[in-house]
PDB file of N, CA and C in Angstrom:
ATOM      1  N   UNK A   1     -44.647   1.054  38.177  1.00  0.00           N
ATOM      2  CA  UNK A   1     -44.177   0.373  39.241  1.00  0.00           C
ATOM      3  C   UNK A   1     -45.020  -0.595  39.801  1.00  0.00           C
ATOM      4  N   UNK A   2     -44.802  -1.831  40.244  1.00  0.00           N
ATOM      5  CA  UNK A   2     -45.488  -2.723  40.734  1.00  0.00           C
ATOM      6  C   UNK A   2     -44.987  -2.957  42.116  1.00  0.00           C
ATOM      7  N   UNK A   3     -45.742  -2.882  43.346  1.00  0.00           N
ATOM      8  CA  UNK A   3     -45.420  -3.208  44.542  1.00  0.00           C
ATOM      9  C   UNK A   3     -46.052  -4.378  44.984  1.00  0.00           C
ATOM     10  N   UNK A   4     -45.184  -5.362  45.315  1.00  0.00           N
ATOM     11  CA  UNK A   4     -45.752  -6.694  45.727  1.00  0.00           C
ATOM     12  C   UNK A   4     -45.922  -6.685  47.225  1.00  0.00           C
ATOM     13  N   UNK A   5     -45.117  -6.052  48.073  1.00  0.00           N
ATOM     14  CA  UNK A   5     -45.199  -6.112  49.428  1.00  0.00           C
ATOM     15  C   UNK A   5     -44.723  -5.122  50.074  1.00  0.00           C
ATOM     16  N   UNK A   6     -45.168  -4.592  51.202  1.00  0.00           N
ATOM     17  CA  UNK A   6     -45.151  -3.304  51.883  1.00  0.00           C
ATOM     18  C   UNK A   6     -44.518  -3.698  53.429  1.00  0.00           C
ATOM     19  N   UNK A   7     -43.375  -3.168  53.606  1.00  0.00           N
ATOM     20  CA  UNK A   7     -42.488  -3.403  54.705  1.00  0.00           C
ATOM     21  C   UNK A   7     -42.467  -2.110  55.426  1.00  0.00           C
ATOM     22  N   UNK A   8     -42.575  -2.139  56.866  1.00  0.00           N
ATOM     23  CA  UNK A   8     -42.257  -0.988  57.750  1.00  0.00           C
ATOM     24  C   UNK A   8     -41.314  -1.310  58.666  1.00  0.00           C
ATOM     25  N   UNK A   9     -40.045  -0.766  58.645  1.00  0.00           N
ATOM     26  CA  UNK A   9     -38.848  -0.991  59.367  1.00  0.00           C
ATOM     27  C   UNK A   9     -38.836   0.005  60.511  1.00  0.00           C
ATOM     28  N   UNK A  10     -38.708  -0.451  61.790  1.00  0.00           N
ATOM     29  CA  UNK A  10     -38.482   0.334  62.928  1.00  0.00           C
ATOM     30  C   UNK A  10     -37.149   0.035  63.347  1.00  0.00           C
ATOM     31  N   UNK A  11     -36.176   1.190  63.658  1.00  0.00           N
ATOM     32  CA  UNK A  11     -34.569   0.991  64.092  1.00  0.00           C
ATOM     33  C   UNK A  11     -35.090   0.793  65.704  1.00  0.00           C
ATOM     34  N   UNK A  12     -34.413  -0.283  66.313  1.00  0.00           N
ATOM     35  CA  UNK A  12     -34.500  -0.771  67.613  1.00  0.00           C
ATOM     36  C   UNK A  12     -33.112  -0.997  68.092  1.00  0.00           C
ATOM     37  N   UNK A  13     -33.226  -0.799  69.743  1.00  0.00           N
ATOM     38  CA  UNK A  13     -31.808  -1.247  70.323  1.00  0.00           C
ATOM     39  C   UNK A  13     -31.638  -2.790  70.363  1.00  0.00           C
ATOM     40  N   UNK A  14     -32.599  -3.537  70.824  1.00  0.00           N
ATOM     41  CA  UNK A  14     -32.702  -4.999  70.645  1.00  0.00           C
ATOM     42  C   UNK A  14     -33.845  -5.544  70.225  1.00  0.00           C
ATOM     43  N   UNK A  15     -33.493  -6.026  68.805  1.00  0.00           N
ATOM     44  CA  UNK A  15     -34.572  -6.919  68.330  1.00  0.00           C
ATOM     45  C   UNK A  15     -35.375  -7.869  68.921  1.00  0.00           C
ATOM     46  N   UNK A  16     -34.873  -8.730  69.944  1.00  0.00           N
ATOM     47  CA  UNK A  16     -35.175  -9.762  70.687  1.00  0.00           C
ATOM     48  C   UNK A  16     -36.279  -9.100  71.786  1.00  0.00           C
ATOM     49  N   UNK A  17     -35.996  -7.865  72.380  1.00  0.00           N
ATOM     50  CA  UNK A  17     -36.725  -7.239  73.380  1.00  0.00           C
ATOM     51  C   UNK A  17     -37.977  -6.638  72.697  1.00  0.00           C
ATOM     52  N   UNK A  18     -37.491  -5.887  71.605  1.00  0.00           N
ATOM     53  CA  UNK A  18     -38.878  -5.415  70.778  1.00  0.00           C
ATOM     54  C   UNK A  18     -39.791  -6.429  70.192  1.00  0.00           C
ATOM     55  N   UNK A  19     -39.104  -7.913  69.763  1.00  0.00           N
ATOM     56  CA  UNK A  19     -40.152  -8.959  69.472  1.00  0.00           C
ATOM     57  C   UNK A  19     -40.904  -9.309  70.504  1.00  0.00           C
ATOM     58  N   UNK A  20     -40.143  -9.493  71.720  1.00  0.00           N
ATOM     59  CA  UNK A  20     -41.370 -10.055  72.733  1.00  0.00           C
ATOM     60  C   UNK A  20     -42.231  -8.833  72.905  1.00  0.00           C
ATOM     61  N   UNK A  21     -42.204  -7.542  73.035  1.00  0.00           N
ATOM     62  CA  UNK A  21     -43.201  -6.564  73.374  1.00  0.00           C
ATOM     63  C   UNK A  21     -44.146  -6.512  72.279  1.00  0.00           C
ATOM     64  N   UNK A  22     -43.950  -6.743  70.743  1.00  0.00           N
ATOM     65  CA  UNK A  22     -44.746  -6.773  69.816  1.00  0.00           C
ATOM     66  C   UNK A  22     -45.489  -8.039  70.038  1.00  0.00           C
ATOM     67  N   UNK A  23     -44.799  -9.337  70.176  1.00  0.00           N
ATOM     68  CA  UNK A  23     -45.531 -10.485  70.350  1.00  0.00           C
ATOM     69  C   UNK A  23     -46.761 -10.090  71.156  1.00  0.00           C
ATOM     70  N   UNK A  24     -46.618  -9.621  72.509  1.00  0.00           N
ATOM     71  CA  UNK A  24     -47.529  -9.478  73.214  1.00  0.00           C
ATOM     72  C   UNK A  24     -48.600  -8.703  72.816  1.00  0.00           C
ATOM     73  N   UNK A  25     -48.366  -7.449  72.274  1.00  0.00           N
ATOM     74  CA  UNK A  25     -49.479  -6.539  71.681  1.00  0.00           C
ATOM     75  C   UNK A  25     -50.259  -7.168  70.556  1.00  0.00           C
ATOM     76  N   UNK A  26     -49.400  -7.679  69.632  1.00  0.00           N
ATOM     77  CA  UNK A  26     -50.061  -8.299  68.424  1.00  0.00           C
ATOM     78  C   UNK A  26     -50.846  -9.600  68.518  1.00  0.00           C
ATOM     79  N   UNK A  27     -50.322 -10.247  69.745  1.00  0.00           N
ATOM     80  CA  UNK A  27     -50.794 -11.654  70.118  1.00  0.00           C
ATOM     81  C   UNK A  27     -50.582 -12.605  68.933  1.00  0.00           C
ATOM     82  N   UNK A  28     -49.083 -12.276  68.624  1.00  0.00           N
ATOM     83  CA  UNK A  28     -48.462 -13.358  67.632  1.00  0.00           C
ATOM     84  C   UNK A  28     -46.986 -13.419  67.472  1.00  0.00           C
ATOM     85  N   UNK A  29     -46.532 -14.527  67.286  1.00  0.00           N
ATOM     86  CA  UNK A  29     -44.907 -14.605  67.263  1.00  0.00           C
ATOM     87  C   UNK A  29     -44.388 -13.928  65.985  1.00  0.00           C
ATOM     88  N   UNK A  30     -43.207 -13.639  65.942  1.00  0.00           N
ATOM     89  CA  UNK A  30     -42.335 -13.117  64.845  1.00  0.00           C
ATOM     90  C   UNK A  30     -42.276 -14.211  63.800  1.00  0.00           C
ATOM     91  N   UNK A  31     -42.402 -13.991  62.550  1.00  0.00           N
ATOM     92  CA  UNK A  31     -42.115 -15.093  61.549  1.00  0.00           C
ATOM     93  C   UNK A  31     -40.562 -15.295  61.350  1.00  0.00           C
ATOM     94  N   UNK A  32     -39.892 -14.219  61.807  1.00  0.00           N
ATOM     95  CA  UNK A  32     -38.418 -14.345  61.803  1.00  0.00           C
ATOM     96  C   UNK A  32     -37.704 -13.519  62.980  1.00  0.00           C
ATOM     97  N   UNK A  33     -36.684 -14.147  63.699  1.00  0.00           N
ATOM     98  CA  UNK A  33     -36.115 -13.756  64.720  1.00  0.00           C
ATOM     99  C   UNK A  33     -34.738 -14.020  64.839  1.00  0.00           C
ATOM    100  N   UNK A  34     -33.651 -13.200  64.602  1.00  0.00           N
ATOM    101  CA  UNK A  34     -32.344 -13.155  64.690  1.00  0.00           C
ATOM    102  C   UNK A  34     -31.699 -12.065  65.459  1.00  0.00           C
ATOM    103  N   UNK A  35     -30.649 -12.246  65.973  1.00  0.00           N
ATOM    104  CA  UNK A  35     -29.965 -11.407  66.823  1.00  0.00           C
ATOM    105  C   UNK A  35     -29.923  -9.791  66.182  1.00  0.00           C
ATOM    106  N   UNK A  36     -30.266  -9.465  64.972  1.00  0.00           N
ATOM    107  CA  UNK A  36     -30.367  -7.949  64.481  1.00  0.00           C
ATOM    108  C   UNK A  36     -31.503  -7.828  63.605  1.00  0.00           C
ATOM    109  N   UNK A  37     -32.422  -8.843  63.737  1.00  0.00           N
ATOM    110  CA  UNK A  37     -33.764  -8.417  63.087  1.00  0.00           C
ATOM    111  C   UNK A  37     -34.974  -9.379  63.452  1.00  0.00           C
ATOM    112  N   UNK A  38     -36.148  -8.707  63.618  1.00  0.00           N
ATOM    113  CA  UNK A  38     -37.212  -9.633  63.813  1.00  0.00           C
ATOM    114  C   UNK A  38     -38.351  -9.080  62.864  1.00  0.00           C
ATOM    115  N   UNK A  39     -39.373  -9.963  62.488  1.00  0.00           N
ATOM    116  CA  UNK A  39     -40.446  -9.610  61.352  1.00  0.00           C
ATOM    117  C   UNK A  39     -41.568 -10.399  61.724  1.00  0.00           C
ATOM    118  N   UNK A  40     -42.542  -9.454  61.725  1.00  0.00           N
ATOM    119  CA  UNK A  40     -44.106  -9.742  62.041  1.00  0.00           C
ATOM    120  C   UNK A  40     -44.768  -9.477  60.564  1.00  0.00           C
ATOM    121  N   UNK A  41     -45.791 -10.359  60.442  1.00  0.00           N
ATOM    122  CA  UNK A  41     -46.743 -10.222  59.385  1.00  0.00           C
ATOM    123  C   UNK A  41     -48.279  -9.895  59.995  1.00  0.00           C
ATOM    124  N   UNK A  42     -48.592  -8.623  59.687  1.00  0.00           N
ATOM    125  CA  UNK A  42     -49.850  -8.356  60.476  1.00  0.00           C
ATOM    126  C   UNK A  42     -51.024  -8.742  59.605  1.00  0.00           C
ATOM    127  N   UNK A  43     -52.218  -8.816  60.054  1.00  0.00           N
ATOM    128  CA  UNK A  43     -53.365  -9.352  59.429  1.00  0.00           C
ATOM    129  C   UNK A  43     -53.883  -8.457  58.234  1.00  0.00           C
ATOM    130  N   UNK A  44     -53.356  -7.330  58.012  1.00  0.00           N
ATOM    131  CA  UNK A  44     -53.423  -6.650  56.754  1.00  0.00           C
ATOM    132  C   UNK A  44     -52.620  -6.977  55.706  1.00  0.00           C
ATOM    133  N   UNK A  45     -51.373  -7.515  56.215  1.00  0.00           N
ATOM    134  CA  UNK A  45     -50.600  -8.015  55.059  1.00  0.00           C
ATOM    135  C   UNK A  45     -49.355  -7.138  55.209  1.00  0.00           C
ATOM    136  N   UNK A  46     -49.419  -6.179  55.976  1.00  0.00           N
ATOM    137  CA  UNK A  46     -48.092  -5.252  56.180  1.00  0.00           C
ATOM    138  C   UNK A  46     -47.254  -6.055  56.938  1.00  0.00           C
ATOM    139  N   UNK A  47     -45.679  -6.108  56.556  1.00  0.00           N
ATOM    140  CA  UNK A  47     -44.683  -6.656  57.193  1.00  0.00           C
ATOM    141  C   UNK A  47     -44.102  -5.678  58.118  1.00  0.00           C
ATOM    142  N   UNK A  48     -43.817  -6.064  59.343  1.00  0.00           N
ATOM    143  CA  UNK A  48     -43.204  -4.908  60.251  1.00  0.00           C
ATOM    144  C   UNK A  48     -41.978  -5.416  60.892  1.00  0.00           C
ATOM    145  N   UNK A  49     -40.851  -4.914  60.315  1.00  0.00           N
ATOM    146  CA  UNK A  49     -39.427  -5.314  60.820  1.00  0.00           C
ATOM    147  C   UNK A  49     -38.996  -4.625  61.774  1.00  0.00           C
ATOM    148  N   UNK A  50     -38.356  -5.194  62.608  1.00  0.00           N
ATOM    149  CA  UNK A  50     -37.604  -4.631  63.739  1.00  0.00           C
ATOM    150  C   UNK A  50     -35.940  -4.901  63.566  1.00  0.00           C
ATOM    151  N   UNK A  51     -35.546  -3.548  63.286  1.00  0.00           N
ATOM    152  CA  UNK A  51     -33.912  -3.923  62.659  1.00  0.00           C
ATOM    153  C   UNK A  51     -33.154  -3.224  63.812  1.00  0.00           C
ATOM    154  N   UNK A  52     -31.959  -3.977  64.052  1.00  0.00           N
ATOM    155  CA  UNK A  52     -31.019  -3.460  65.213  1.00  0.00           C
ATOM    156  C   UNK A  52     -30.526  -2.263  64.716  1.00  0.00           C
ATOM    157  N   UNK A  53     -30.511  -1.131  65.435  1.00  0.00           N
ATOM    158  CA  UNK A  53     -30.056   0.264  65.006  1.00  0.00           C
ATOM    159  C   UNK A  53     -28.541   0.288  64.894  1.00  0.00           C
ATOM    160  N   UNK A  54     -27.940  -0.816  65.754  1.00  0.00           N
ATOM    161  CA  UNK A  54     -26.425  -0.871  65.358  1.00  0.00           C
ATOM    162  C   UNK A  54     -25.951  -1.454  64.378  1.00  0.00           C
ATOM    163  N   UNK A  55     -26.699  -2.233  63.618  1.00  0.00           N
ATOM    164  CA  UNK A  55     -26.596  -3.006  62.525  1.00  0.00           C
ATOM    165  C   UNK A  55     -27.155  -2.623  61.170  1.00  0.00           C
ATOM    166  N   UNK A  56     -28.144  -1.516  61.136  1.00  0.00           N
ATOM    167  CA  UNK A  56     -28.669  -1.119  59.903  1.00  0.00           C
ATOM    168  C   UNK A  56     -27.622  -0.626  59.037  1.00  0.00           C
ATOM    169  N   UNK A  57     -27.945  -0.565  57.782  1.00  0.00           N
ATOM    170  CA  UNK A  57     -26.779   0.061  56.823  1.00  0.00           C
ATOM    171  C   UNK A  57     -27.586   0.514  55.604  1.00  0.00           C
ATOM    172  N   UNK A  58     -27.647   1.928  55.178  1.00  0.00           N
ATOM    173  CA  UNK A  58     -26.721   2.695  55.957  1.00  0.00           C
ATOM    174  C   UNK A  58     -27.247   2.937  57.429  1.00  0.00           C
ATOM    175  N   UNK A  59     -26.263   3.456  58.471  1.00  0.00           N
ATOM    176  CA  UNK A  59     -26.716   3.736  59.571  1.00  0.00           C
ATOM    177  C   UNK A  59     -27.601   4.375  59.825  1.00  0.00           C
ATOM    178  N   UNK A  60     -28.686   4.175  60.593  1.00  0.00           N
ATOM    179  CA  UNK A  60     -29.949   4.913  61.051  1.00  0.00           C
ATOM    180  C   UNK A  60     -29.510   6.157  61.976  1.00  0.00           C
ATOM    181  N   UNK A  61     -30.171   7.250  61.298  1.00  0.00           N
ATOM    182  CA  UNK A  61     -29.934   8.709  61.941  1.00  0.00           C
ATOM    183  C   UNK A  61     -30.867   9.150  62.926  1.00  0.00           C
ATOM    184  N   UNK A  62     -31.872   8.636  63.230  1.00  0.00           N
ATOM    185  CA  UNK A  62     -32.882   8.820  64.172  1.00  0.00           C
ATOM    186  C   UNK A  62     -33.307   7.581  65.003  1.00  0.00           C
ATOM    187  N   UNK A  63     -33.947   7.956  65.982  1.00  0.00           N
ATOM    188  CA  UNK A  63     -34.388   6.975  66.983  1.00  0.00           C
ATOM    189  C   UNK A  63     -36.027   7.136  67.225  1.00  0.00           C
ATOM    190  N   UNK A  64     -36.441   6.542  68.067  1.00  0.00           N
ATOM    191  CA  UNK A  64     -38.052   6.513  68.328  1.00  0.00           C
ATOM    192  C   UNK A  64     -38.694   7.775  68.422  1.00  0.00           C
ATOM    193  N   UNK A  65     -39.866   7.767  68.002  1.00  0.00           N
ATOM    194  CA  UNK A  65     -40.619   9.222  68.400  1.00  0.00           C
ATOM    195  C   UNK A  65     -40.767  10.108  67.118  1.00  0.00           C
ATOM    196  N   UNK A  66     -39.876   9.899  66.163  1.00  0.00           N
ATOM    197  CA  UNK A  66     -40.098  10.687  64.976  1.00  0.00           C
ATOM    198  C   UNK A  66     -41.094  10.508  64.076  1.00  0.00           C
ATOM    199  N   UNK A  67     -41.993   9.325  64.347  1.00  0.00           N
ATOM    200  CA  UNK A  67     -43.124   9.105  63.442  1.00  0.00           C
ATOM    201  C   UNK A  67     -43.967   7.997  64.199  1.00  0.00           C
ATOM    202  N   UNK A  68     -44.976   7.376  63.554  1.00  0.00           N
ATOM    203  CA  UNK A  68     -45.607   6.598  64.399  1.00  0.00           C
ATOM    204  C   UNK A  68     -46.384   5.447  63.413  1.00  0.00           C
ATOM    205  N   UNK A  69     -46.548   4.242  64.304  1.00  0.00           N
ATOM    206  CA  UNK A  69     -47.464   3.051  63.369  1.00  0.00           C
ATOM    207  C   UNK A  69     -48.839   3.305  63.721  1.00  0.00           C
ATOM    208  N   UNK A  70     -49.461   3.552  62.796  1.00  0.00           N
ATOM    209  CA  UNK A  70     -50.886   3.800  63.070  1.00  0.00           C
ATOM    210  C   UNK A  70     -51.735   2.402  62.727  1.00  0.00           C
ATOM    211  N   UNK A  71     -52.431   1.964  63.566  1.00  0.00           N
ATOM    212  CA  UNK A  71     -53.136   0.560  63.166  1.00  0.00           C
ATOM    213  C   UNK A  71     -54.695   0.906  63.544  1.00  0.00           C
ATOM    214  N   UNK A  72     -55.561   0.576  62.408  1.00  0.00           N
ATOM    215  CA  UNK A  72     -57.006   0.905  62.587  1.00  0.00           C
ATOM    216  C   UNK A  72     -57.647  -0.222  63.114  1.00  0.00           C
ATOM    217  N   UNK A  73     -58.776  -0.064  63.961  1.00  0.00           N
ATOM    218  CA  UNK A  73     -59.538  -1.158  64.528  1.00  0.00           C
ATOM    219  C   UNK A  73     -60.817  -0.944  64.180  1.00  0.00           C
ATOM    220  N   UNK A  74     -61.944  -1.837  64.392  1.00  0.00           N
ATOM    221  CA  UNK A  74     -63.224  -1.725  63.819  1.00  0.00           C
ATOM    222  C   UNK A  74     -64.165  -0.814  64.669  1.00  0.00           C
ATOM    223  N   UNK A  75     -63.874  -0.480  65.857  1.00  0.00           N
ATOM    224  CA  UNK A  75     -64.955   0.352  66.668  1.00  0.00           C
ATOM    225  C   UNK A  75     -64.197   0.888  67.800  1.00  0.00           C
ATOM    226  N   UNK A  76     -64.888   2.021  68.505  1.00  0.00           N
ATOM    227  CA  UNK A  76     -64.297   2.440  69.620  1.00  0.00           C
ATOM    228  C   UNK A  76     -64.124   1.624  70.873  1.00  0.00           C
ATOM    229  N   UNK A  77     -65.084   0.619  70.912  1.00  0.00           N
ATOM    230  CA  UNK A  77     -64.980  -0.310  72.073  1.00  0.00           C
ATOM    231  C   UNK A  77     -63.766  -1.062  72.035  1.00  0.00           C
ATOM    232  N   UNK A  78     -63.115  -1.407  70.788  1.00  0.00           N
ATOM    233  CA  UNK A  78     -61.785  -2.069  70.725  1.00  0.00           C
ATOM    234  C   UNK A  78     -60.657  -1.196  71.178  1.00  0.00           C
ATOM    235  N   UNK A  79     -60.823   0.013  70.427  1.00  0.00           N
ATOM    236  CA  UNK A  79     -59.835   1.204  71.310  1.00  0.00           C
ATOM    237  C   UNK A  79     -59.811   1.087  72.662  1.00  0.00           C
ATOM    238  N   UNK A  80     -60.798   1.175  73.285  1.00  0.00           N
ATOM    239  CA  UNK A  80     -61.010   1.219  74.922  1.00  0.00           C
ATOM    240  C   UNK A  80     -60.421  -0.041  75.253  1.00  0.00           C
ATOM    241  N   UNK A  81     -60.679  -1.145  74.939  1.00  0.00           N
ATOM    242  CA  UNK A  81     -60.368  -2.633  75.302  1.00  0.00           C
ATOM    243  C   UNK A  81     -58.748  -2.526  75.255  1.00  0.00           C
ATOM    244  N   UNK A  82     -58.276  -2.372  74.143  1.00  0.00           N
ATOM    245  CA  UNK A  82     -56.709  -2.382  73.829  1.00  0.00           C
ATOM    246  C   UNK A  82     -56.127  -1.290  74.734  1.00  0.00           C
ATOM    247  N   UNK A  83     -56.498  -0.408  74.903  1.00  0.00           N
ATOM    248  CA  UNK A  83     -55.667   0.713  75.815  1.00  0.00           C
ATOM    249  C   UNK A  83     -56.009   0.217  77.098  1.00  0.00           C
ATOM    250  N   UNK A  84     -57.071  -0.519  77.741  1.00  0.00           N
ATOM    251  CA  UNK A  84     -57.026  -0.992  79.165  1.00  0.00           C
ATOM    252  C   UNK A  84     -56.219  -2.155  79.066  1.00  0.00           C
ATOM    253  N   UNK A  85     -56.087  -3.143  78.264  1.00  0.00           N
ATOM    254  CA  UNK A  85     -55.234  -4.218  78.139  1.00  0.00           C
ATOM    255  C   UNK A  85     -53.618  -3.832  78.149  1.00  0.00           C
ATOM    256  N   UNK A  86     -53.288  -2.859  77.309  1.00  0.00           N
ATOM    257  CA  UNK A  86     -51.984  -2.605  77.328  1.00  0.00           C
ATOM    258  C   UNK A  86     -51.386  -1.669  78.423  1.00  0.00           C
ATOM    259  N   UNK A  87     -52.326  -0.794  79.046  1.00  0.00           N
ATOM    260  CA  UNK A  87     -51.911  -0.202  80.141  1.00  0.00           C
ATOM    261  C   UNK A  87     -51.910  -1.102  81.287  1.00  0.00           C
ATOM    262  N   UNK A  88     -52.445  -2.192  81.499  1.00  0.00           N
ATOM    263  CA  UNK A  88     -52.579  -3.068  82.557  1.00  0.00           C
ATOM    264  C   UNK A  88     -51.345  -3.942  82.542  1.00  0.00           C
ATOM    265  N   UNK A  89     -50.671  -4.140  81.114  1.00  0.00           N
ATOM    266  CA  UNK A  89     -49.654  -5.017  80.768  1.00  0.00           C
ATOM    267  C   UNK A  89     -48.523  -4.125  81.146  1.00  0.00           C
ATOM    268  N   UNK A  90     -48.392  -2.932  81.449  1.00  0.00           N
ATOM    269  CA  UNK A  90     -47.375  -2.023  81.748  1.00  0.00           C
ATOM    270  C   UNK A  90     -46.866  -1.097  80.356  1.00  0.00           C
ATOM    271  N   UNK A  91     -47.476  -1.214  79.341  1.00  0.00           N
ATOM    272  CA  UNK A  91     -47.326  -0.537  78.393  1.00  0.00           C
ATOM    273  C   UNK A  91     -47.255   0.819  78.651  1.00  0.00           C
ATOM    274  N   UNK A  92     -46.275   1.866  78.042  1.00  0.00           N
ATOM    275  CA  UNK A  92     -46.460   3.292  78.259  1.00  0.00           C
ATOM    276  C   UNK A  92     -47.381   3.969  77.523  1.00  0.00           C
ATOM    277  N   UNK A  93     -48.342   4.594  77.975  1.00  0.00           N
ATOM    278  CA  UNK A  93     -49.308   5.427  77.208  1.00  0.00           C
ATOM    279  C   UNK A  93     -48.884   6.865  77.139  1.00  0.00           C
ATOM    280  N   UNK A  94     -48.963   7.427  75.805  1.00  0.00           N
ATOM    281  CA  UNK A  94     -48.624   8.756  75.609  1.00  0.00           C
ATOM    282  C   UNK A  94     -49.987   9.513  75.531  1.00  0.00           C
ATOM    283  N   UNK A  95     -50.975   8.995  75.245  1.00  0.00           N
ATOM    284  CA  UNK A  95     -52.363   9.782  75.101  1.00  0.00           C
ATOM    285  C   UNK A  95     -53.416   8.695  75.544  1.00  0.00           C
ATOM    286  N   UNK A  96     -54.170   9.096  76.264  1.00  0.00           N
ATOM    287  CA  UNK A  96     -55.317   8.165  76.841  1.00  0.00           C
ATOM    288  C   UNK A  96     -56.383   8.272  75.594  1.00  0.00           C
ATOM    289  N   UNK A  97     -57.268   7.436  75.586  1.00  0.00           N
ATOM    290  CA  UNK A  97     -58.176   7.502  74.619  1.00  0.00           C
ATOM    291  C   UNK A  97     -58.975   8.744  74.363  1.00  0.00           C
ATOM    292  N   UNK A  98     -59.115   9.085  73.138  1.00  0.00           N
ATOM    293  CA  UNK A  98     -59.850  10.467  72.898  1.00  0.00           C
ATOM    294  C   UNK A  98     -60.256  10.642  71.589  1.00  0.00           C
ATOM    295  N   UNK A  99     -61.368  11.320  71.334  1.00  0.00           N
ATOM    296  CA  UNK A  99     -61.944  11.701  70.325  1.00  0.00           C
ATOM    297  C   UNK A  99     -61.240  12.607  69.422  1.00  0.00           C
ATOM    298  N   UNK A 100     -60.518  12.487  68.126  1.00  0.00           N
ATOM    299  CA  UNK A 100     -59.877  13.495  67.403  1.00  0.00           C
ATOM    300  C   UNK A 100     -60.605  13.672  66.046  1.00  0.00           C
ATOM    301  N   UNK A 101     -60.274  14.625  65.041  1.00  0.00           N
ATOM    302  CA  UNK A 101     -61.137  14.779  63.943  1.00  0.00           C
ATOM    303  C   UNK A 101     -61.015  13.577  63.157  1.00  0.00           C
ATOM    304  N   UNK A 102     -60.115  12.809  62.914  1.00  0.00           N
ATOM    305  CA  UNK A 102     -59.949  11.409  62.134  1.00  0.00           C
ATOM    306  C   UNK A 102     -60.441  10.353  62.820  1.00  0.00           C
ATOM    307  N   UNK A 103     -60.896  10.094  64.130  1.00  0.00           N
ATOM    308  CA  UNK A 103     -61.498   9.065  64.919  1.00  0.00           C
ATOM    309  C   UNK A 103     -61.138   9.123  66.293  1.00  0.00           C
ATOM    310  N   UNK A 104     -61.298   7.983  67.001  1.00  0.00           N
ATOM    311  CA  UNK A 104     -61.247   7.928  68.480  1.00  0.00           C
ATOM    312  C   UNK A 104     -59.826   6.930  68.525  1.00  0.00           C
ATOM    313  N   UNK A 105     -59.016   7.496  69.427  1.00  0.00           N
ATOM    314  CA  UNK A 105     -57.561   6.803  69.347  1.00  0.00           C
ATOM    315  C   UNK A 105     -56.780   6.877  70.791  1.00  0.00           C
ATOM    316  N   UNK A 106     -55.716   6.335  70.787  1.00  0.00           N
ATOM    317  CA  UNK A 106     -54.861   6.452  71.877  1.00  0.00           C
ATOM    318  C   UNK A 106     -53.592   6.003  71.289  1.00  0.00           C
ATOM    319  N   UNK A 107     -52.333   6.673  72.083  1.00  0.00           N
ATOM    320  CA  UNK A 107     -50.882   6.381  71.682  1.00  0.00           C
ATOM    321  C   UNK A 107     -50.152   5.710  72.766  1.00  0.00           C
ATOM    322  N   UNK A 108     -49.307   4.550  72.203  1.00  0.00           N
ATOM    323  CA  UNK A 108     -48.475   3.759  73.360  1.00  0.00           C
ATOM    324  C   UNK A 108     -47.261   4.124  72.814  1.00  0.00           C
ATOM    325  N   UNK A 109     -46.189   3.722  73.469  1.00  0.00           N
ATOM    326  CA  UNK A 109     -44.876   3.793  73.285  1.00  0.00           C
ATOM    327  C   UNK A 109     -44.192   2.309  73.376  1.00  0.00           C
ATOM    328  N   UNK A 110     -43.516   1.966  72.490  1.00  0.00           N
ATOM    329  CA  UNK A 110     -42.648   0.631  72.439  1.00  0.00           C
ATOM    330  C   UNK A 110     -41.381   1.060  73.120  1.00  0.00           C
ATOM    331  N   UNK A 111     -40.520  -0.241  73.702  1.00  0.00           N
ATOM    332  CA  UNK A 111     -39.419   0.214  74.333  1.00  0.00           C
ATOM    333  C   UNK A 111     -38.302   1.162  73.775  1.00  0.00           C
ATOM    334  N   UNK A 112     -38.462   1.381  72.351  1.00  0.00           N
ATOM    335  CA  UNK A 112     -37.542   2.462  71.941  1.00  0.00           C
ATOM    336  C   UNK A 112     -38.052   4.025  71.768  1.00  0.00           C
ATOM    337  N   UNK A 113     -39.352   4.058  72.236  1.00  0.00           N
ATOM    338  CA  UNK A 113     -40.113   5.206  72.048  1.00  0.00           C
ATOM    339  C   UNK A 113     -41.025   5.525  70.846  1.00  0.00           C
ATOM    340  N   UNK A 114     -41.013   4.518  69.781  1.00  0.00           N
ATOM    341  CA  UNK A 114     -41.793   4.631  68.908  1.00  0.00           C
ATOM    342  C   UNK A 114     -43.181   4.694  69.063  1.00  0.00           C
ATOM    343  N   UNK A 115     -43.967   5.605  68.241  1.00  0.00           N
ATOM    344  CA  UNK A 115     -45.480   5.614  68.631  1.00  0.00           C
ATOM    345  C   UNK A 115     -46.152   4.890  68.235  1.00  0.00           C
ATOM    346  N   UNK A 116     -47.254   4.233  68.756  1.00  0.00           N
ATOM    347  CA  UNK A 116     -47.984   3.264  68.262  1.00  0.00           C
ATOM    348  C   UNK A 116     -49.566   3.749  68.540  1.00  0.00           C
ATOM    349  N   UNK A 117     -50.077   3.951  67.303  1.00  0.00           N
ATOM    350  CA  UNK A 117     -51.522   4.894  67.625  1.00  0.00           C
ATOM    351  C   UNK A 117     -52.450   3.677  67.168  1.00  0.00           C
ATOM    352  N   UNK A 118     -53.274   3.344  67.939  1.00  0.00           N
ATOM    353  CA  UNK A 118     -54.484   2.590  67.830  1.00  0.00           C
ATOM    354  C   UNK A 118     -55.749   3.553  67.537  1.00  0.00           C
ATOM    355  N   UNK A 119     -56.587   3.323  66.419  1.00  0.00           N
ATOM    356  CA  UNK A 119     -57.767   4.217  66.182  1.00  0.00           C
ATOM    357  C   UNK A 119     -58.849   3.447  65.419  1.00  0.00           C
ATOM    358  N   UNK A 120     -59.893   3.934  65.774  1.00  0.00           N
ATOM    359  CA  UNK A 120     -61.179   3.705  64.955  1.00  0.00           C
ATOM    360  C   UNK A 120     -61.487   5.025  64.095  1.00  0.00           C
ATOM    361  N   UNK A 121     -61.465   4.700  62.824  1.00  0.00           N
ATOM    362  CA  UNK A 121     -61.603   6.031  61.801  1.00  0.00           C
ATOM    363  C   UNK A 121     -63.046   6.450  61.997  1.00  0.00           C
ATOM    364  N   UNK A 122     -63.157   7.816  61.851  1.00  0.00           N
ATOM    365  CA  UNK A 122     -64.396   8.328  61.975  1.00  0.00           C
ATOM    366  C   UNK A 122     -65.105   8.128  60.633  1.00  0.00           C
ATOM    367  N   UNK A 123     -66.502   7.692  60.795  1.00  0.00           N
ATOM    368  CA  UNK A 123     -67.113   7.115  59.370  1.00  0.00           C
ATOM    369  C   UNK A 123     -67.263   8.322  58.541  1.00  0.00           C
ATOM    370  N   UNK A 124     -67.044   8.004  57.182  1.00  0.00           N
ATOM    371  CA  UNK A 124     -67.088   9.046  55.964  1.00  0.00           C
ATOM    372  C   UNK A 124     -68.493   9.452  55.888  1.00  0.00           C
TER     373      UNK A 124
END
């Protein structure tokens, strides 16, 4: 099997609201925005889709919080900077920066309760 692109889809109540939220966090606009869907392309190449929960087919059976989007950064200082920036912008923080076995991390929540984990991996 050959995979050419990787998409992560999150089911959201309002693609416009979520697109605004992610635009601020990612510091980039969506490459696609409609009433039912928004799409971001991350620097890694991952495509992050925000799909209206009411329009997804087949119907979405879950809401936010059942998984998380984890984004790696280069160093612990970036984790701390992003945490401060996001907290100051009013983003809900579920876990303050902390050292864990896999790295230094914090967790934020998007408007639908999806968990966003920023982390710097522990060196091998």
